[in-house]
Amino acid sequence: MAEGQEKQTLHGNFIAYAKFGDHKSTGKTITSKNFDKWLKESKVQDGKRIKSTDTDIAFTKVLGKKPKGTKAIEFKDLEICLEEIAAHISKTEAKKERRSRRRSEEGSYGRNED
């Protein structure tokens, strides 16, 4: 990716990954493919809690608010996309917590029946 100070900020990372693999890119918009690469390399997308499908869904939700045929998002749309991913993490964690609580309750009842 980009060298130096540019990469040290969120906006700098956005530009660096937006330009990746496209020498004509100005870095103003990022494609789903490059966004996915960025999240994998920054270990946000780990294949367990967050999968590429989850990030693609978030990216597509943001694209749905754009004119038809748009295939990339701007930096100003990045916050919305990251909020979608964070919301997914919250939902997933809440489901795991409920499932875990239910299992522990069922387990304690099972021991008391003997």
N, C-alpha and C. Protein backbone atom coordinates (compact mmCIF):
# COMPACT_ATOMS: atom_id res chain seq x y z
N MET A 1 0.82 -1.19 0.00
CA MET A 1 0.00 0.00 0.00
C MET A 1 0.86 1.25 0.00
N ALA A 2 0.26 2.38 0.29
CA ALA A 2 0.96 3.67 0.24
C ALA A 2 2.01 3.76 1.33
N GLU A 3 3.03 4.52 1.06
CA GLU A 3 4.11 4.71 2.02
C GLU A 3 3.91 6.02 2.78
N GLY A 4 4.55 6.14 3.91
CA GLY A 4 4.62 7.40 4.62
C GLY A 4 3.40 7.75 5.45
N GLN A 5 3.24 9.05 5.68
CA GLN A 5 2.21 9.57 6.56
C GLN A 5 0.80 9.35 6.04
N GLU A 6 0.62 9.30 4.74
CA GLU A 6 -0.73 9.18 4.18
C GLU A 6 -1.47 7.96 4.71
N LYS A 7 -0.76 6.87 4.93
CA LYS A 7 -1.39 5.64 5.36
C LYS A 7 -1.76 5.64 6.85
N GLN A 8 -1.28 6.59 7.62
CA GLN A 8 -1.48 6.59 9.05
C GLN A 8 -2.87 7.04 9.47
N THR A 9 -3.66 7.60 8.58
CA THR A 9 -5.00 8.07 8.92
C THR A 9 -6.05 7.21 8.22
N LEU A 10 -7.28 7.30 8.69
CA LEU A 10 -8.37 6.58 8.04
C LEU A 10 -8.52 7.06 6.61
N HIS A 11 -8.49 8.35 6.43
CA HIS A 11 -8.63 8.90 5.07
C HIS A 11 -7.45 8.49 4.19
N GLY A 12 -6.27 8.48 4.77
CA GLY A 12 -5.09 8.04 4.01
C GLY A 12 -5.18 6.58 3.60
N ASN A 13 -5.67 5.74 4.50
CA ASN A 13 -5.88 4.33 4.16
C ASN A 13 -6.93 4.19 3.08
N PHE A 14 -7.99 4.96 3.19
CA PHE A 14 -9.05 4.93 2.18
C PHE A 14 -8.47 5.22 0.80
N ILE A 15 -7.70 6.29 0.71
CA ILE A 15 -7.09 6.68 -0.57
C ILE A 15 -6.16 5.58 -1.09
N ALA A 16 -5.31 5.06 -0.20
CA ALA A 16 -4.35 4.04 -0.60
C ALA A 16 -5.04 2.79 -1.14
N TYR A 17 -6.07 2.32 -0.44
CA TYR A 17 -6.77 1.13 -0.90
C TYR A 17 -7.68 1.42 -2.09
N ALA A 18 -8.18 2.64 -2.21
CA ALA A 18 -9.00 3.01 -3.36
C ALA A 18 -8.16 2.99 -4.63
N LYS A 19 -6.90 3.37 -4.52
CA LYS A 19 -5.99 3.40 -5.67
C LYS A 19 -5.40 2.03 -5.99
N PHE A 20 -5.45 1.11 -5.05
CA PHE A 20 -4.78 -0.18 -5.21
C PHE A 20 -5.28 -0.91 -6.45
N GLY A 21 -4.35 -1.31 -7.30
CA GLY A 21 -4.66 -2.10 -8.49
C GLY A 21 -5.25 -1.30 -9.63
N ASP A 22 -5.40 0.00 -9.47
CA ASP A 22 -5.97 0.83 -10.54
C ASP A 22 -5.13 2.10 -10.66
N HIS A 23 -4.21 2.10 -11.59
CA HIS A 23 -3.30 3.24 -11.74
C HIS A 23 -4.01 4.51 -12.19
N LYS A 24 -5.23 4.39 -12.68
CA LYS A 24 -5.99 5.57 -13.12
C LYS A 24 -6.81 6.18 -11.98
N SER A 25 -6.95 5.47 -10.88
CA SER A 25 -7.80 5.93 -9.79
C SER A 25 -7.23 7.17 -9.10
N THR A 26 -8.14 8.06 -8.72
CA THR A 26 -7.75 9.27 -7.99
C THR A 26 -7.80 9.03 -6.48
N GLY A 27 -8.43 7.94 -6.05
CA GLY A 27 -8.55 7.65 -4.64
C GLY A 27 -9.78 8.26 -4.00
N LYS A 28 -10.68 8.80 -4.80
CA LYS A 28 -11.89 9.41 -4.26
C LYS A 28 -12.98 8.39 -3.96
N THR A 29 -12.95 7.27 -4.67
CA THR A 29 -13.95 6.21 -4.43
C THR A 29 -13.24 4.87 -4.30
N ILE A 30 -13.87 3.97 -3.54
CA ILE A 30 -13.30 2.64 -3.33
C ILE A 30 -14.33 1.59 -3.76
N THR A 31 -13.83 0.56 -4.42
CA THR A 31 -14.71 -0.52 -4.87
C THR A 31 -14.89 -1.55 -3.75
N SER A 32 -15.86 -2.40 -3.93
CA SER A 32 -16.13 -3.46 -2.95
C SER A 32 -14.92 -4.37 -2.80
N LYS A 33 -14.27 -4.69 -3.90
CA LYS A 33 -13.10 -5.57 -3.88
C LYS A 33 -11.98 -4.97 -3.04
N ASN A 34 -11.70 -3.69 -3.24
CA ASN A 34 -10.62 -3.04 -2.48
C ASN A 34 -11.02 -2.80 -1.02
N PHE A 35 -12.30 -2.54 -0.78
CA PHE A 35 -12.79 -2.39 0.59
C PHE A 35 -12.62 -3.71 1.34
N ASP A 36 -12.96 -4.79 0.68
CA ASP A 36 -12.81 -6.13 1.25
C ASP A 36 -11.34 -6.41 1.57
N LYS A 37 -10.45 -6.07 0.65
CA LYS A 37 -9.01 -6.27 0.85
C LYS A 37 -8.54 -5.47 2.07
N TRP A 38 -8.99 -4.24 2.18
CA TRP A 38 -8.62 -3.37 3.30
C TRP A 38 -9.05 -3.98 4.63
N LEU A 39 -10.29 -4.45 4.69
CA LEU A 39 -10.80 -5.03 5.94
C LEU A 39 -10.09 -6.33 6.29
N LYS A 40 -9.72 -7.13 5.30
CA LYS A 40 -8.98 -8.36 5.57
C LYS A 40 -7.58 -8.05 6.10
N GLU A 41 -6.90 -7.12 5.45
CA GLU A 41 -5.53 -6.80 5.85
C GLU A 41 -5.47 -6.09 7.20
N SER A 42 -6.53 -5.39 7.56
CA SER A 42 -6.56 -4.72 8.86
C SER A 42 -7.16 -5.63 9.94
N LYS A 43 -7.48 -6.86 9.55
CA LYS A 43 -7.99 -7.90 10.46
C LYS A 43 -9.36 -7.56 11.06
N VAL A 44 -10.12 -6.71 10.39
CA VAL A 44 -11.51 -6.47 10.78
C VAL A 44 -12.32 -7.68 10.33
N GLN A 45 -12.05 -8.11 9.12
CA GLN A 45 -12.72 -9.28 8.56
C GLN A 45 -11.86 -10.49 8.89
N ASP A 46 -12.35 -11.31 9.83
CA ASP A 46 -11.55 -12.44 10.30
C ASP A 46 -12.08 -13.79 9.84
N GLY A 47 -13.20 -13.81 9.15
CA GLY A 47 -13.75 -15.08 8.69
C GLY A 47 -14.60 -15.78 9.73
N LYS A 48 -14.64 -15.27 10.94
CA LYS A 48 -15.44 -15.87 12.00
C LYS A 48 -16.55 -14.91 12.41
N ARG A 49 -16.18 -13.81 13.08
CA ARG A 49 -17.19 -12.82 13.49
C ARG A 49 -17.67 -12.02 12.29
N ILE A 50 -16.75 -11.60 11.46
CA ILE A 50 -17.08 -10.82 10.27
C ILE A 50 -16.54 -11.56 9.05
N LYS A 51 -17.44 -11.86 8.13
CA LYS A 51 -17.07 -12.58 6.90
C LYS A 51 -17.19 -11.62 5.72
N SER A 52 -16.65 -12.04 4.60
CA SER A 52 -16.73 -11.19 3.41
C SER A 52 -18.17 -10.94 3.00
N THR A 53 -19.05 -11.90 3.24
CA THR A 53 -20.47 -11.73 2.94
C THR A 53 -21.05 -10.57 3.75
N ASP A 54 -20.68 -10.48 5.00
CA ASP A 54 -21.18 -9.41 5.88
C ASP A 54 -20.72 -8.03 5.38
N THR A 55 -19.46 -7.95 4.99
CA THR A 55 -18.96 -6.66 4.51
C THR A 55 -19.55 -6.32 3.15
N ASP A 56 -19.77 -7.33 2.31
CA ASP A 56 -20.41 -7.09 1.01
C ASP A 56 -21.83 -6.58 1.19
N ILE A 57 -22.56 -7.12 2.15
CA ILE A 57 -23.92 -6.67 2.43
C ILE A 57 -23.92 -5.22 2.87
N ALA A 58 -23.01 -4.87 3.78
CA ALA A 58 -22.91 -3.48 4.25
C ALA A 58 -22.57 -2.54 3.10
N PHE A 59 -21.63 -2.95 2.27
CA PHE A 59 -21.21 -2.14 1.12
C PHE A 59 -22.38 -1.95 0.16
N THR A 60 -23.13 -3.01 -0.09
CA THR A 60 -24.26 -2.96 -1.01
C THR A 60 -25.38 -2.07 -0.46
N LYS A 61 -25.59 -2.09 0.85
CA LYS A 61 -26.60 -1.21 1.45
C LYS A 61 -26.26 0.25 1.20
N VAL A 62 -24.99 0.58 1.31
CA VAL A 62 -24.56 1.95 1.05
C VAL A 62 -24.72 2.27 -0.44
N LEU A 63 -24.36 1.34 -1.30
CA LEU A 63 -24.51 1.55 -2.74
C LEU A 63 -25.97 1.71 -3.14
N GLY A 64 -26.88 1.07 -2.40
CA GLY A 64 -28.30 1.15 -2.71
C GLY A 64 -28.83 2.57 -2.61
N LYS A 65 -28.16 3.42 -1.88
CA LYS A 65 -28.57 4.81 -1.72
C LYS A 65 -27.97 5.71 -2.81
N LYS A 66 -27.16 5.13 -3.67
CA LYS A 66 -26.49 5.87 -4.74
C LYS A 66 -27.27 5.69 -6.04
N PRO A 67 -26.95 6.50 -7.05
CA PRO A 67 -27.60 6.32 -8.35
C PRO A 67 -27.32 4.93 -8.93
N LYS A 68 -28.27 4.41 -9.66
CA LYS A 68 -28.14 3.08 -10.25
C LYS A 68 -26.87 3.01 -11.12
N GLY A 69 -26.17 1.90 -10.99
CA GLY A 69 -24.95 1.69 -11.76
C GLY A 69 -23.68 2.08 -11.03
N THR A 70 -23.81 2.72 -9.87
CA THR A 70 -22.63 3.10 -9.09
C THR A 70 -22.01 1.84 -8.49
N LYS A 71 -20.68 1.74 -8.58
CA LYS A 71 -20.00 0.54 -8.09
C LYS A 71 -18.98 0.83 -7.01
N ALA A 72 -18.90 2.08 -6.57
CA ALA A 72 -17.90 2.44 -5.57
C ALA A 72 -18.50 3.48 -4.61
N ILE A 73 -17.93 3.53 -3.41
CA ILE A 73 -18.40 4.51 -2.43
C ILE A 73 -17.31 5.56 -2.19
N GLU A 74 -17.74 6.72 -1.73
CA GLU A 74 -16.82 7.80 -1.41
C GLU A 74 -16.45 7.72 0.06
N PHE A 75 -15.47 8.51 0.46
CA PHE A 75 -15.03 8.50 1.85
C PHE A 75 -16.16 8.89 2.79
N LYS A 76 -17.01 9.82 2.39
CA LYS A 76 -18.11 10.25 3.25
C LYS A 76 -19.10 9.12 3.52
N ASP A 77 -19.15 8.11 2.65
CA ASP A 77 -20.04 6.96 2.82
C ASP A 77 -19.41 5.87 3.68
N LEU A 78 -18.13 5.98 3.93
CA LEU A 78 -17.42 4.96 4.68
C LEU A 78 -17.98 4.79 6.09
N GLU A 79 -18.31 5.90 6.74
CA GLU A 79 -18.85 5.83 8.10
C GLU A 79 -20.13 5.01 8.15
N ILE A 80 -21.01 5.20 7.19
CA ILE A 80 -22.26 4.44 7.14
C ILE A 80 -21.97 2.96 6.97
N CYS A 81 -21.03 2.65 6.11
CA CYS A 81 -20.66 1.26 5.86
C CYS A 81 -20.08 0.61 7.12
N LEU A 82 -19.22 1.32 7.81
CA LEU A 82 -18.63 0.79 9.05
C LEU A 82 -19.67 0.65 10.15
N GLU A 83 -20.65 1.55 10.18
CA GLU A 83 -21.74 1.43 11.16
C GLU A 83 -22.58 0.19 10.89
N GLU A 84 -22.80 -0.14 9.62
CA GLU A 84 -23.53 -1.36 9.26
C GLU A 84 -22.78 -2.59 9.75
N ILE A 85 -21.48 -2.59 9.59
CA ILE A 85 -20.66 -3.72 10.04
C ILE A 85 -20.69 -3.82 11.56
N ALA A 86 -20.59 -2.68 12.24
CA ALA A 86 -20.65 -2.67 13.72
C ALA A 86 -22.01 -3.17 14.20
N ALA A 87 -23.08 -2.78 13.52
CA ALA A 87 -24.41 -3.25 13.89
C ALA A 87 -24.51 -4.76 13.73
N HIS A 88 -23.89 -5.28 12.70
CA HIS A 88 -23.89 -6.74 12.49
C HIS A 88 -23.15 -7.44 13.63
N ILE A 89 -22.02 -6.88 14.05
CA ILE A 89 -21.26 -7.46 15.16
C ILE A 89 -22.12 -7.47 16.42
N SER A 90 -22.80 -6.36 16.69
CA SER A 90 -23.66 -6.28 17.88
C SER A 90 -24.75 -7.32 17.85
N LYS A 91 -25.40 -7.48 16.71
CA LYS A 91 -26.46 -8.49 16.59
C LYS A 91 -25.92 -9.89 16.80
N THR A 92 -24.78 -10.17 16.20
CA THR A 92 -24.16 -11.50 16.32
C THR A 92 -23.78 -11.79 17.76
N GLU A 93 -23.18 -10.81 18.43
CA GLU A 93 -22.77 -10.99 19.83
C GLU A 93 -23.99 -11.18 20.73
N ALA A 94 -25.07 -10.45 20.46
CA ALA A 94 -26.29 -10.57 21.27
C ALA A 94 -26.90 -11.97 21.10
N LYS A 95 -26.89 -12.49 19.87
CA LYS A 95 -27.41 -13.84 19.62
C LYS A 95 -26.57 -14.87 20.37
N LYS A 96 -25.26 -14.73 20.33
CA LYS A 96 -24.38 -15.66 21.03
C LYS A 96 -24.63 -15.61 22.53
N GLU A 97 -24.83 -14.41 23.06
CA GLU A 97 -25.07 -14.24 24.50
C GLU A 97 -26.38 -14.92 24.90
N ARG A 98 -27.45 -14.70 24.11
CA ARG A 98 -28.74 -15.35 24.41
C ARG A 98 -28.62 -16.87 24.33
N ARG A 99 -27.93 -17.35 23.32
CA ARG A 99 -27.75 -18.79 23.15
C ARG A 99 -26.97 -19.38 24.32
N SER A 100 -25.92 -18.68 24.74
CA SER A 100 -25.10 -19.14 25.85
C SER A 100 -25.90 -19.14 27.15
N ARG A 101 -26.67 -18.09 27.37
CA ARG A 101 -27.49 -18.00 28.58
C ARG A 101 -28.54 -19.11 28.61
N ARG A 102 -29.15 -19.37 27.46
CA ARG A 102 -30.16 -20.42 27.36
C ARG A 102 -29.55 -21.79 27.66
N ARG A 103 -28.36 -22.02 27.12
CA ARG A 103 -27.68 -23.31 27.37
C ARG A 103 -27.33 -23.49 28.83
N SER A 104 -26.86 -22.43 29.46
CA SER A 104 -26.49 -22.55 30.87
C SER A 104 -27.73 -22.76 31.74
N GLU A 105 -28.85 -22.13 31.38
CA GLU A 105 -30.09 -22.34 32.13
C GLU A 105 -30.60 -23.77 31.94
N GLU A 106 -30.55 -24.26 30.72
CA GLU A 106 -31.00 -25.62 30.46
C GLU A 106 -30.11 -26.62 31.18
N GLY A 107 -28.83 -26.35 31.21
CA GLY A 107 -27.90 -27.24 31.89
C GLY A 107 -28.15 -27.30 33.38
N SER A 108 -28.46 -26.16 33.99
CA SER A 108 -28.70 -26.16 35.43
C SER A 108 -30.00 -26.86 35.77
N TYR A 109 -31.01 -26.75 34.93
CA TYR A 109 -32.26 -27.46 35.17
C TYR A 109 -32.06 -28.97 35.06
N GLY A 110 -31.27 -29.35 34.07
CA GLY A 110 -31.01 -30.77 33.89
C GLY A 110 -30.33 -31.41 35.09
N ARG A 111 -29.43 -30.69 35.73
CA ARG A 111 -28.75 -31.23 36.89
C ARG A 111 -29.68 -31.32 38.11
N ASN A 112 -30.62 -30.41 38.22
CA ASN A 112 -31.53 -30.38 39.36
C ASN A 112 -32.59 -31.48 39.30
N GLU A 113 -32.84 -32.02 38.12
CA GLU A 113 -33.88 -33.02 37.97
C GLU A 113 -33.48 -34.36 38.54
N ASP A 114 -32.23 -34.64 38.67
CA ASP A 114 -31.78 -35.95 39.17
C ASP A 114 -32.08 -36.17 40.60
